[in-house]
């Protein structure tokens, strides 16, 4: 039973990385912007967060550095696609490639660096409950903050006036512009917020989840986060559940290896990506369902008259 408690704990930890990035991309897409650069932003934020913690010893400063770098790269992306009307898909891919190369170059001197040991976190009393304590109540605070963020984002998008305006921009930017809303500035704000969350995911990955720096350590999580937004039909609560599902699949490979399952490690490593492909294939069988839930202007440029 203890091994299952550890599996649940690891699932929440792994799912947090995916959830943060996917929630950031969800904000982008609710405003009508597709950003394929999540992988590159997360990598640059990962090295920024790691380097900051190496020099300061403060994990939260590392998170702030990651968010700043993610927002900076997202801002450059936003200026290109919103004001200069470059192709969103090509620009996002360019950002992803740039982030992969730039992070590898900057991170050369940090490959052997070590971070200070992380404190052990536990919610008082609940952390000592047998089985449930190790599974649910001994996580890093950011795990619980991600859950709160999901609830806050759901409220913002469906209850707050600003969130309704954001969704209106994603559905019909021309109508929102006719009503006097600054569509381009709203889209840029969404892109910056999304980039900051992707940056936070990258910094969490390199400073808490696997406290080290290795070139390419994001390892496709940015692409999985992008797929999660479609899997969740652009709803925050489903994004969180999907992130834990994919996080569980990722951790399952280590659990199976620990229990002595005789399978090649390469097959087990493929599980998260195979699951992503299977889920997207199943969803794509019902294009009407996607079209009903997808923001109507997603990926389409807006030219104010």
C-alpha atoms as a PDB file:
ATOM      1  CA  UNK A   1       0.000   0.000   0.000  1.00  0.00           C
ATOM      2  CA  UNK A   2       2.864   2.360   0.738  1.00  0.00           C
ATOM      3  CA  UNK A   3       4.070   2.055  -2.846  1.00  0.00           C
ATOM      4  CA  UNK A   4       0.633   3.189  -4.088  1.00  0.00           C
ATOM      5  CA  UNK A   5       0.741   6.195  -1.747  1.00  0.00           C
ATOM      6  CA  UNK A   6       4.106   7.153  -3.204  1.00  0.00           C
ATOM      7  CA  UNK A   7       2.707   6.675  -6.730  1.00  0.00           C
ATOM      8  CA  UNK A   8      -0.167   9.065  -5.968  1.00  0.00           C
ATOM      9  CA  UNK A   9       2.233  11.621  -4.495  1.00  0.00           C
ATOM     10  CA  UNK A  10       4.486  11.391  -7.543  1.00  0.00           C
ATOM     11  CA  UNK A  11       1.447  11.723  -9.834  1.00  0.00           C
ATOM     12  CA  UNK A  12       0.405  14.994  -8.181  1.00  0.00           C
ATOM     13  CA  UNK A  13       3.973  16.272  -8.434  1.00  0.00           C
ATOM     14  CA  UNK A  14       4.338  15.353 -12.109  1.00  0.00           C
ATOM     15  CA  UNK A  15       0.848  16.600 -12.944  1.00  0.00           C
ATOM     16  CA  UNK A  16       1.595  20.023 -11.477  1.00  0.00           C
ATOM     17  CA  UNK A  17       4.183  20.740 -14.180  1.00  0.00           C
ATOM     18  CA  UNK A  18       1.703  19.833 -16.921  1.00  0.00           C
ATOM     19  CA  UNK A  19      -1.208  21.638 -15.261  1.00  0.00           C
ATOM     20  CA  UNK A  20       0.626  24.963 -14.902  1.00  0.00           C
ATOM     21  CA  UNK A  21       1.762  24.968 -18.517  1.00  0.00           C
ATOM     22  CA  UNK A  22      -1.624  23.799 -19.834  1.00  0.00           C
ATOM     23  CA  UNK A  23      -3.515  26.445 -17.827  1.00  0.00           C
ATOM     24  CA  UNK A  24      -1.231  29.088 -19.308  1.00  0.00           C
ATOM     25  CA  UNK A  25      -1.897  27.826 -22.821  1.00  0.00           C
ATOM     26  CA  UNK A  26      -5.622  27.693 -22.020  1.00  0.00           C
ATOM     27  CA  UNK A  27      -5.599  31.419 -21.220  1.00  0.00           C
ATOM     28  CA  UNK A  28      -3.874  32.079 -24.550  1.00  0.00           C
ATOM     29  CA  UNK A  29      -6.370  30.021 -26.504  1.00  0.00           C
ATOM     30  CA  UNK A  30      -9.386  31.509 -24.755  1.00  0.00           C
ATOM     31  CA  UNK A  31      -8.189  34.827 -26.216  1.00  0.00           C
ATOM     32  CA  UNK A  32      -7.838  33.252 -29.675  1.00  0.00           C
ATOM     33  CA  UNK A  33      -4.028  32.828 -29.699  1.00  0.00           C
ATOM     34  CA  UNK A  34      -2.268  29.498 -30.331  1.00  0.00           C
ATOM     35  CA  UNK A  35       1.251  29.409 -28.901  1.00  0.00           C
ATOM     36  CA  UNK A  36       3.277  26.377 -29.982  1.00  0.00           C
ATOM     37  CA  UNK A  37       6.322  27.720 -28.168  1.00  0.00           C
ATOM     38  CA  UNK A  38       5.550  26.246 -24.741  1.00  0.00           C
ATOM     39  CA  UNK A  39       8.445  23.784 -24.941  1.00  0.00           C
ATOM     40  CA  UNK A  40      10.961  26.551 -25.624  1.00  0.00           C
ATOM     41  CA  UNK A  41       9.545  28.881 -22.969  1.00  0.00           C
ATOM     42  CA  UNK A  42       9.623  26.109 -20.367  1.00  0.00           C
ATOM     43  CA  UNK A  43      13.235  25.254 -21.189  1.00  0.00           C
ATOM     44  CA  UNK A  44      14.413  28.868 -20.923  1.00  0.00           C
ATOM     45  CA  UNK A  45      12.457  29.311 -17.693  1.00  0.00           C
ATOM     46  CA  UNK A  46      13.898  26.056 -16.357  1.00  0.00           C
ATOM     47  CA  UNK A  47      17.480  27.236 -16.732  1.00  0.00           C
ATOM     48  CA  UNK A  48      16.587  30.725 -15.466  1.00  0.00           C
ATOM     49  CA  UNK A  49      14.927  29.307 -12.356  1.00  0.00           C
ATOM     50  CA  UNK A  50      17.715  26.796 -11.765  1.00  0.00           C
ATOM     51  CA  UNK A  51      20.474  29.407 -12.128  1.00  0.00           C
ATOM     52  CA  UNK A  52      18.637  31.771  -9.792  1.00  0.00           C
ATOM     53  CA  UNK A  53      18.338  29.122  -7.078  1.00  0.00           C
ATOM     54  CA  UNK A  54      21.994  28.148  -7.516  1.00  0.00           C
ATOM     55  CA  UNK A  55      23.061  31.747  -6.847  1.00  0.00           C
ATOM     56  CA  UNK A  56      20.468  32.742  -4.239  1.00  0.00           C
ATOM     57  CA  UNK A  57      19.376  29.494  -2.591  1.00  0.00           C
ATOM     58  CA  UNK A  58      15.759  30.679  -2.733  1.00  0.00           C
ATOM     59  CA  UNK A  59      13.322  28.488  -4.662  1.00  0.00           C
ATOM     60  CA  UNK A  60      10.623  31.146  -4.776  1.00  0.00           C
ATOM     61  CA  UNK A  61      13.015  33.589  -6.415  1.00  0.00           C
ATOM     62  CA  UNK A  62      13.676  30.825  -8.940  1.00  0.00           C
ATOM     63  CA  UNK A  63       9.948  30.618  -9.625  1.00  0.00           C
ATOM     64  CA  UNK A  64       9.813  34.401 -10.090  1.00  0.00           C
ATOM     65  CA  UNK A  65      12.755  34.287 -12.512  1.00  0.00           C
ATOM     66  CA  UNK A  66      11.097  31.510 -14.501  1.00  0.00           C
ATOM     67  CA  UNK A  67       7.839  33.436 -14.715  1.00  0.00           C
ATOM     68  CA  UNK A  68       9.669  36.589 -15.822  1.00  0.00           C
ATOM     69  CA  UNK A  69      11.540  34.748 -18.589  1.00  0.00           C
ATOM     70  CA  UNK A  70       8.367  32.974 -19.728  1.00  0.00           C
ATOM     71  CA  UNK A  71       6.473  36.268 -19.852  1.00  0.00           C
ATOM     72  CA  UNK A  72       9.343  37.970 -21.717  1.00  0.00           C
ATOM     73  CA  UNK A  73       9.455  35.316 -24.438  1.00  0.00           C
ATOM     74  CA  UNK A  74       5.664  35.251 -24.638  1.00  0.00           C
ATOM     75  CA  UNK A  75       5.654  39.051 -24.977  1.00  0.00           C
ATOM     76  CA  UNK A  76       7.998  38.856 -27.964  1.00  0.00           C
ATOM     77  CA  UNK A  77       5.751  36.184 -29.471  1.00  0.00           C
ATOM     78  CA  UNK A  78       2.678  38.332 -28.796  1.00  0.00           C
ATOM     79  CA  UNK A  79       4.133  41.411 -30.465  1.00  0.00           C
ATOM     80  CA  UNK A  80       4.950  39.379 -33.568  1.00  0.00           C
ATOM     81  CA  UNK A  81       1.602  37.636 -33.966  1.00  0.00           C
ATOM     82  CA  UNK A  82      -0.753  40.338 -32.637  1.00  0.00           C
ATOM     83  CA  UNK A  83       0.780  43.527 -34.044  1.00  0.00           C
ATOM     84  CA  UNK A  84       2.896  42.294 -36.952  1.00  0.00           C
ATOM     85  CA  UNK A  85       0.416  39.540 -37.881  1.00  0.00           C
ATOM     86  CA  UNK A  86       2.990  36.802 -38.351  1.00  0.00           C
ATOM     87  CA  UNK A  87       1.658  33.262 -38.604  1.00  0.00           C
ATOM     88  CA  UNK A  88       0.886  32.012 -35.105  1.00  0.00           C
ATOM     89  CA  UNK A  89       1.885  28.409 -35.772  1.00  0.00           C
ATOM     90  CA  UNK A  90       5.185  29.221 -37.485  1.00  0.00           C
ATOM     91  CA  UNK A  91       6.104  31.823 -34.868  1.00  0.00           C
ATOM     92  CA  UNK A  92       5.339  29.418 -32.037  1.00  0.00           C
ATOM     93  CA  UNK A  93       7.474  26.703 -33.600  1.00  0.00           C
ATOM     94  CA  UNK A  94      10.305  29.220 -34.044  1.00  0.00           C
ATOM     95  CA  UNK A  95      10.019  30.163 -30.357  1.00  0.00           C
ATOM     96  CA  UNK A  96      10.178  26.502 -29.363  1.00  0.00           C
ATOM     97  CA  UNK A  97      13.301  25.920 -31.458  1.00  0.00           C
ATOM     98  CA  UNK A  98      14.915  29.112 -30.163  1.00  0.00           C
ATOM     99  CA  UNK A  99      14.202  28.155 -26.547  1.00  0.00           C
ATOM    100  CA  UNK A 100      15.694  24.692 -27.001  1.00  0.00           C
ATOM    101  CA  UNK A 101      18.924  26.030 -28.467  1.00  0.00           C
ATOM    102  CA  UNK A 102      19.279  29.083 -26.237  1.00  0.00           C
ATOM    103  CA  UNK A 103      18.657  27.154 -23.003  1.00  0.00           C
ATOM    104  CA  UNK A 104      21.217  24.531 -24.025  1.00  0.00           C
ATOM    105  CA  UNK A 105      23.811  27.254 -24.658  1.00  0.00           C
ATOM    106  CA  UNK A 106      23.132  29.195 -21.456  1.00  0.00           C
ATOM    107  CA  UNK A 107      22.929  26.050 -19.338  1.00  0.00           C
ATOM    108  CA  UNK A 108      26.372  24.650 -20.244  1.00  0.00           C
ATOM    109  CA  UNK A 109      27.911  25.974 -17.035  1.00  0.00           C
ATOM    110  CA  UNK A 110      25.124  24.627 -14.816  1.00  0.00           C
ATOM    111  CA  UNK A 111      25.074  20.956 -15.845  1.00  0.00           C
ATOM    112  CA  UNK A 112      27.060  19.841 -12.776  1.00  0.00           C
ATOM    113  CA  UNK A 113      25.634  22.466 -10.403  1.00  0.00           C
ATOM    114  CA  UNK A 114      23.748  21.336  -7.309  1.00  0.00           C
ATOM    115  CA  UNK A 115      20.847  23.017  -5.565  1.00  0.00           C
ATOM    116  CA  UNK A 116      20.470  23.362  -1.803  1.00  0.00           C
ATOM    117  CA  UNK A 117      18.405  20.582  -0.281  1.00  0.00           C
ATOM    118  CA  UNK A 118      14.684  21.301  -0.335  1.00  0.00           C
ATOM    119  CA  UNK A 119      12.817  21.466   2.971  1.00  0.00           C
ATOM    120  CA  UNK A 120      10.314  18.718   3.685  1.00  0.00           C
ATOM    121  CA  UNK A 121       6.760  19.994   3.463  1.00  0.00           C
ATOM    122  CA  UNK A 122       3.774  18.514   5.286  1.00  0.00           C
ATOM    123  CA  UNK A 123       0.378  19.838   6.309  1.00  0.00           C
ATOM    124  CA  UNK A 124       0.198  19.605  10.110  1.00  0.00           C
ATOM    125  CA  UNK A 125      -1.760  16.609  11.425  1.00  0.00           C
ATOM    126  CA  UNK A 126      -2.953  15.581   7.941  1.00  0.00           C
ATOM    127  CA  UNK A 127       0.610  14.820   6.854  1.00  0.00           C
ATOM    128  CA  UNK A 128       0.836  12.168   9.597  1.00  0.00           C
ATOM    129  CA  UNK A 129      -2.290  10.254   8.551  1.00  0.00           C
ATOM    130  CA  UNK A 130      -1.275   6.753   7.429  1.00  0.00           C
ATOM    131  CA  UNK A 131      -1.273   6.285   3.622  1.00  0.00           C
ATOM    132  CA  UNK A 132      -3.232   9.487   2.917  1.00  0.00           C
ATOM    133  CA  UNK A 133      -0.575  11.665   4.523  1.00  0.00           C
ATOM    134  CA  UNK A 134       2.313  10.552   2.282  1.00  0.00           C
ATOM    135  CA  UNK A 135       0.003  10.454  -0.755  1.00  0.00           C
ATOM    136  CA  UNK A 136      -1.732  13.820  -0.496  1.00  0.00           C
ATOM    137  CA  UNK A 137      -0.471  16.047   2.295  1.00  0.00           C
ATOM    138  CA  UNK A 138       3.315  16.169   1.961  1.00  0.00           C
ATOM    139  CA  UNK A 139       3.547  18.072  -1.288  1.00  0.00           C
ATOM    140  CA  UNK A 140       5.322  21.288  -2.204  1.00  0.00           C
ATOM    141  CA  UNK A 141       3.024  24.306  -1.608  1.00  0.00           C
ATOM    142  CA  UNK A 142       2.909  25.003  -5.351  1.00  0.00           C
ATOM    143  CA  UNK A 143       1.015  21.731  -5.853  1.00  0.00           C
ATOM    144  CA  UNK A 144      -1.842  23.056  -3.739  1.00  0.00           C
ATOM    145  CA  UNK A 145      -1.546  26.555  -5.215  1.00  0.00           C
ATOM    146  CA  UNK A 146      -2.023  25.009  -8.673  1.00  0.00           C
ATOM    147  CA  UNK A 147      -5.300  23.483  -7.516  1.00  0.00           C
ATOM    148  CA  UNK A 148      -6.414  26.870  -6.190  1.00  0.00           C
ATOM    149  CA  UNK A 149      -5.299  28.526  -9.419  1.00  0.00           C
ATOM    150  CA  UNK A 150      -7.456  26.123 -11.410  1.00  0.00           C
ATOM    151  CA  UNK A 151     -10.519  27.012  -9.347  1.00  0.00           C
ATOM    152  CA  UNK A 152      -9.725  30.740  -9.571  1.00  0.00           C
ATOM    153  CA  UNK A 153      -9.271  30.547 -13.341  1.00  0.00           C
ATOM    154  CA  UNK A 154     -12.579  28.714 -13.759  1.00  0.00           C
ATOM    155  CA  UNK A 155     -14.309  31.435 -11.728  1.00  0.00           C
ATOM    156  CA  UNK A 156     -12.509  34.174 -13.684  1.00  0.00           C
ATOM    157  CA  UNK A 157     -13.461  32.795 -17.100  1.00  0.00           C
ATOM    158  CA  UNK A 158     -17.105  32.055 -16.349  1.00  0.00           C
ATOM    159  CA  UNK A 159     -18.077  34.503 -13.597  1.00  0.00           C
ATOM    160  CA  UNK A 160     -15.856  37.605 -13.702  1.00  0.00           C
ATOM    161  CA  UNK A 161     -16.542  40.396 -16.178  1.00  0.00           C
ATOM    162  CA  UNK A 162     -12.888  40.511 -17.305  1.00  0.00           C
ATOM    163  CA  UNK A 163     -12.978  36.785 -17.987  1.00  0.00           C
ATOM    164  CA  UNK A 164     -16.157  37.078 -20.025  1.00  0.00           C
ATOM    165  CA  UNK A 165     -14.528  39.858 -22.057  1.00  0.00           C
ATOM    166  CA  UNK A 166     -11.486  37.638 -22.628  1.00  0.00           C
ATOM    167  CA  UNK A 167     -13.722  34.847 -23.904  1.00  0.00           C
ATOM    168  CA  UNK A 168     -15.603  37.294 -26.110  1.00  0.00           C
ATOM    169  CA  UNK A 169     -12.315  38.360 -27.683  1.00  0.00           C
ATOM    170  CA  UNK A 170     -11.552  34.704 -28.379  1.00  0.00           C
ATOM    171  CA  UNK A 171     -14.962  34.085 -29.898  1.00  0.00           C
ATOM    172  CA  UNK A 172     -15.390  37.220 -31.982  1.00  0.00           C
ATOM    173  CA  UNK A 173     -12.635  39.846 -31.835  1.00  0.00           C
ATOM    174  CA  UNK A 174     -14.412  41.988 -34.424  1.00  0.00           C
ATOM    175  CA  UNK A 175     -17.555  42.198 -32.276  1.00  0.00           C
ATOM    176  CA  UNK A 176     -15.499  42.925 -29.161  1.00  0.00           C
ATOM    177  CA  UNK A 177     -13.643  45.675 -31.041  1.00  0.00           C
ATOM    178  CA  UNK A 178     -16.944  47.161 -32.205  1.00  0.00           C
ATOM    179  CA  UNK A 179     -18.027  47.364 -28.560  1.00  0.00           C
ATOM    180  CA  UNK A 180     -14.902  49.357 -27.737  1.00  0.00           C
ATOM    181  CA  UNK A 181     -12.694  46.696 -26.151  1.00  0.00           C
ATOM    182  CA  UNK A 182      -8.937  46.907 -26.877  1.00  0.00           C
ATOM    183  CA  UNK A 183      -8.695  43.481 -28.494  1.00  0.00           C
ATOM    184  CA  UNK A 184      -4.965  43.511 -29.170  1.00  0.00           C
ATOM    185  CA  UNK A 185      -4.042  44.613 -25.657  1.00  0.00           C
ATOM    186  CA  UNK A 186      -6.355  42.006 -24.154  1.00  0.00           C
ATOM    187  CA  UNK A 187      -4.757  39.318 -26.315  1.00  0.00           C
ATOM    188  CA  UNK A 188      -1.270  40.490 -25.326  1.00  0.00           C
ATOM    189  CA  UNK A 189      -2.217  40.379 -21.626  1.00  0.00           C
ATOM    190  CA  UNK A 190      -3.483  36.816 -22.087  1.00  0.00           C
ATOM    191  CA  UNK A 191      -0.279  35.820 -23.880  1.00  0.00           C
ATOM    192  CA  UNK A 192       1.859  37.335 -21.094  1.00  0.00           C
ATOM    193  CA  UNK A 193      -0.146  35.538 -18.401  1.00  0.00           C
ATOM    194  CA  UNK A 194       0.100  32.285 -20.304  1.00  0.00           C
ATOM    195  CA  UNK A 195       3.848  32.701 -20.768  1.00  0.00           C
ATOM    196  CA  UNK A 196       4.323  33.397 -17.059  1.00  0.00           C
ATOM    197  CA  UNK A 197       2.531  30.163 -16.153  1.00  0.00           C
ATOM    198  CA  UNK A 198       4.575  28.177 -18.680  1.00  0.00           C
ATOM    199  CA  UNK A 199       7.659  29.770 -17.138  1.00  0.00           C
ATOM    200  CA  UNK A 200       6.523  28.791 -13.653  1.00  0.00           C
ATOM    201  CA  UNK A 201       6.059  25.217 -14.874  1.00  0.00           C
ATOM    202  CA  UNK A 202       9.598  25.162 -16.272  1.00  0.00           C
ATOM    203  CA  UNK A 203      11.104  26.604 -13.091  1.00  0.00           C
ATOM    204  CA  UNK A 204       9.201  24.112 -10.932  1.00  0.00           C
ATOM    205  CA  UNK A 205      10.483  21.296 -13.116  1.00  0.00           C
ATOM    206  CA  UNK A 206      14.162  22.209 -12.711  1.00  0.00           C
ATOM    207  CA  UNK A 207      14.115  23.297  -9.064  1.00  0.00           C
ATOM    208  CA  UNK A 208      11.591  21.005  -7.342  1.00  0.00           C
ATOM    209  CA  UNK A 209      10.403  18.146  -9.528  1.00  0.00           C
ATOM    210  CA  UNK A 210      13.892  17.132 -10.709  1.00  0.00           C
ATOM    211  CA  UNK A 211      16.285  19.581  -9.013  1.00  0.00           C
ATOM    212  CA  UNK A 212      18.981  19.638 -11.675  1.00  0.00           C
ATOM    213  CA  UNK A 213      19.688  21.069 -15.106  1.00  0.00           C
ATOM    214  CA  UNK A 214      20.021  18.838 -18.153  1.00  0.00           C
ATOM    215  CA  UNK A 215      19.730  19.989 -21.753  1.00  0.00           C
ATOM    216  CA  UNK A 216      16.236  19.304 -23.112  1.00  0.00           C
ATOM    217  CA  UNK A 217      14.914  18.270 -19.701  1.00  0.00           C
ATOM    218  CA  UNK A 218      11.364  19.444 -20.463  1.00  0.00           C
ATOM    219  CA  UNK A 219      11.264  16.363 -22.730  1.00  0.00           C
ATOM    220  CA  UNK A 220       8.048  17.058 -24.596  1.00  0.00           C
ATOM    221  CA  UNK A 221       5.971  18.234 -21.640  1.00  0.00           C
ATOM    222  CA  UNK A 222       5.234  21.495 -23.452  1.00  0.00           C
ATOM    223  CA  UNK A 223       3.668  19.559 -26.316  1.00  0.00           C
ATOM    224  CA  UNK A 224       1.685  17.365 -23.919  1.00  0.00           C
ATOM    225  CA  UNK A 225       0.405  20.527 -22.193  1.00  0.00           C
ATOM    226  CA  UNK A 226      -0.679  21.853 -25.574  1.00  0.00           C
ATOM    227  CA  UNK A 227      -2.561  18.624 -26.259  1.00  0.00           C
ATOM    228  CA  UNK A 228      -4.159  18.842 -22.798  1.00  0.00           C
ATOM    229  CA  UNK A 229      -6.066  21.999 -23.700  1.00  0.00           C
ATOM    230  CA  UNK A 230      -7.832  20.140 -26.509  1.00  0.00           C
ATOM    231  CA  UNK A 231      -8.246  17.027 -24.368  1.00  0.00           C
ATOM    232  CA  UNK A 232      -9.925  19.177 -21.696  1.00  0.00           C
ATOM    233  CA  UNK A 233     -12.111  21.002 -24.247  1.00  0.00           C
ATOM    234  CA  UNK A 234     -10.731  24.303 -22.964  1.00  0.00           C
ATOM    235  CA  UNK A 235     -12.054  23.920 -19.392  1.00  0.00           C
ATOM    236  CA  UNK A 236      -9.714  24.516 -16.412  1.00  0.00           C
ATOM    237  CA  UNK A 237     -11.004  21.707 -14.161  1.00  0.00           C
ATOM    238  CA  UNK A 238     -10.613  19.172 -16.946  1.00  0.00           C
ATOM    239  CA  UNK A 239      -7.117  20.483 -17.621  1.00  0.00           C
ATOM    240  CA  UNK A 240      -6.147  19.710 -14.015  1.00  0.00           C
ATOM    241  CA  UNK A 241      -7.669  16.227 -14.145  1.00  0.00           C
ATOM    242  CA  UNK A 242      -6.009  15.555 -17.492  1.00  0.00           C
ATOM    243  CA  UNK A 243      -2.657  16.734 -16.125  1.00  0.00           C
ATOM    244  CA  UNK A 244      -2.910  14.274 -13.240  1.00  0.00           C
ATOM    245  CA  UNK A 245      -3.916  11.533 -15.672  1.00  0.00           C
ATOM    246  CA  UNK A 246      -0.857  12.112 -17.839  1.00  0.00           C
ATOM    247  CA  UNK A 247       1.290  12.600 -14.742  1.00  0.00           C
ATOM    248  CA  UNK A 248       0.094   9.243 -13.485  1.00  0.00           C
ATOM    249  CA  UNK A 249       0.967   7.588 -16.787  1.00  0.00           C
ATOM    250  CA  UNK A 250       4.444   9.136 -16.568  1.00  0.00           C
ATOM    251  CA  UNK A 251       4.987   7.842 -13.033  1.00  0.00           C
ATOM    252  CA  UNK A 252       3.522   4.439 -13.847  1.00  0.00           C
ATOM    253  CA  UNK A 253       6.668   3.477 -15.737  1.00  0.00           C
ATOM    254  CA  UNK A 254       8.769   3.871 -12.585  1.00  0.00           C
ATOM    255  CA  UNK A 255       6.188   2.046 -10.477  1.00  0.00           C
ATOM    256  CA  UNK A 256       6.129  -0.887 -12.869  1.00  0.00           C
ATOM    257  CA  UNK A 257       9.911  -1.049 -12.918  1.00  0.00           C
ATOM    258  CA  UNK A 258      10.008  -1.003  -9.104  1.00  0.00           C
ATOM    259  CA  UNK A 259       7.512  -3.872  -8.906  1.00  0.00           C
ATOM    260  CA  UNK A 260       9.625  -5.966 -11.239  1.00  0.00           C
ATOM    261  CA  UNK A 261       7.506  -5.870 -14.391  1.00  0.00           C
ATOM    262  CA  UNK A 262       9.558  -7.362 -17.216  1.00  0.00           C
ATOM    263  CA  UNK A 263       9.220  -4.721 -19.938  1.00  0.00           C
ATOM    264  CA  UNK A 264      11.923  -2.813 -21.799  1.00  0.00           C
ATOM    265  CA  UNK A 265      12.419   0.633 -20.257  1.00  0.00           C
ATOM    266  CA  UNK A 266      12.014   2.229 -23.704  1.00  0.00           C
ATOM    267  CA  UNK A 267       8.451   0.915 -23.939  1.00  0.00           C
ATOM    268  CA  UNK A 268       7.631   2.298 -20.527  1.00  0.00           C
ATOM    269  CA  UNK A 269       9.131   5.687 -21.412  1.00  0.00           C
ATOM    270  CA  UNK A 270       6.837   5.841 -24.442  1.00  0.00           C
ATOM    271  CA  UNK A 271       3.666   5.581 -22.325  1.00  0.00           C
ATOM    272  CA  UNK A 272       2.940   9.333 -21.831  1.00  0.00           C
ATOM    273  CA  UNK A 273       3.369  10.099 -25.533  1.00  0.00           C
ATOM    274  CA  UNK A 274       1.378   7.076 -26.669  1.00  0.00           C
ATOM    275  CA  UNK A 275      -1.397   8.139 -24.282  1.00  0.00           C
ATOM    276  CA  UNK A 276      -1.329  11.646 -25.782  1.00  0.00           C
ATOM    277  CA  UNK A 277      -1.673  10.308 -29.328  1.00  0.00           C
ATOM    278  CA  UNK A 278      -4.474   7.897 -28.363  1.00  0.00           C
ATOM    279  CA  UNK A 279      -6.458  10.599 -26.557  1.00  0.00           C
ATOM    280  CA  UNK A 280      -6.134  13.090 -29.429  1.00  0.00           C
ATOM    281  CA  UNK A 281      -7.107  10.408 -31.933  1.00  0.00           C
ATOM    282  CA  UNK A 282     -10.228   9.571 -29.937  1.00  0.00           C
ATOM    283  CA  UNK A 283     -11.195  13.233 -29.560  1.00  0.00           C
ATOM    284  CA  UNK A 284     -10.666  13.985 -33.245  1.00  0.00           C
ATOM    285  CA  UNK A 285     -13.257  11.361 -34.159  1.00  0.00           C
ATOM    286  CA  UNK A 286     -15.932  13.869 -33.104  1.00  0.00           C
ATOM    287  CA  UNK A 287     -15.038  17.165 -34.833  1.00  0.00           C
ATOM    288  CA  UNK A 288     -18.419  18.690 -33.963  1.00  0.00           C
ATOM    289  CA  UNK A 289     -17.657  18.345 -30.263  1.00  0.00           C
ATOM    290  CA  UNK A 290     -14.328  20.144 -30.710  1.00  0.00           C
ATOM    291  CA  UNK A 291     -15.880  22.866 -32.873  1.00  0.00           C
ATOM    292  CA  UNK A 292     -18.579  23.581 -30.278  1.00  0.00           C
ATOM    293  CA  UNK A 293     -16.072  24.004 -27.433  1.00  0.00           C
ATOM    294  CA  UNK A 294     -13.146  25.575 -29.287  1.00  0.00           C
ATOM    295  CA  UNK A 295     -12.868  29.401 -29.297  1.00  0.00           C
ATOM    296  CA  UNK A 296     -14.171  30.472 -32.710  1.00  0.00           C
ATOM    297  CA  UNK A 297     -11.245  32.776 -33.560  1.00  0.00           C
ATOM    298  CA  UNK A 298      -8.513  30.411 -32.378  1.00  0.00           C
ATOM    299  CA  UNK A 299      -5.399  30.864 -34.496  1.00  0.00           C
ATOM    300  CA  UNK A 300      -6.959  33.592 -36.637  1.00  0.00           C
ATOM    301  CA  UNK A 301      -5.295  37.030 -36.859  1.00  0.00           C
ATOM    302  CA  UNK A 302      -7.279  40.145 -36.049  1.00  0.00           C
ATOM    303  CA  UNK A 303      -6.954  43.286 -38.173  1.00  0.00           C
ATOM    304  CA  UNK A 304      -8.713  46.260 -36.538  1.00  0.00           C
ATOM    305  CA  UNK A 305     -10.557  48.371 -39.050  1.00  0.00           C
END
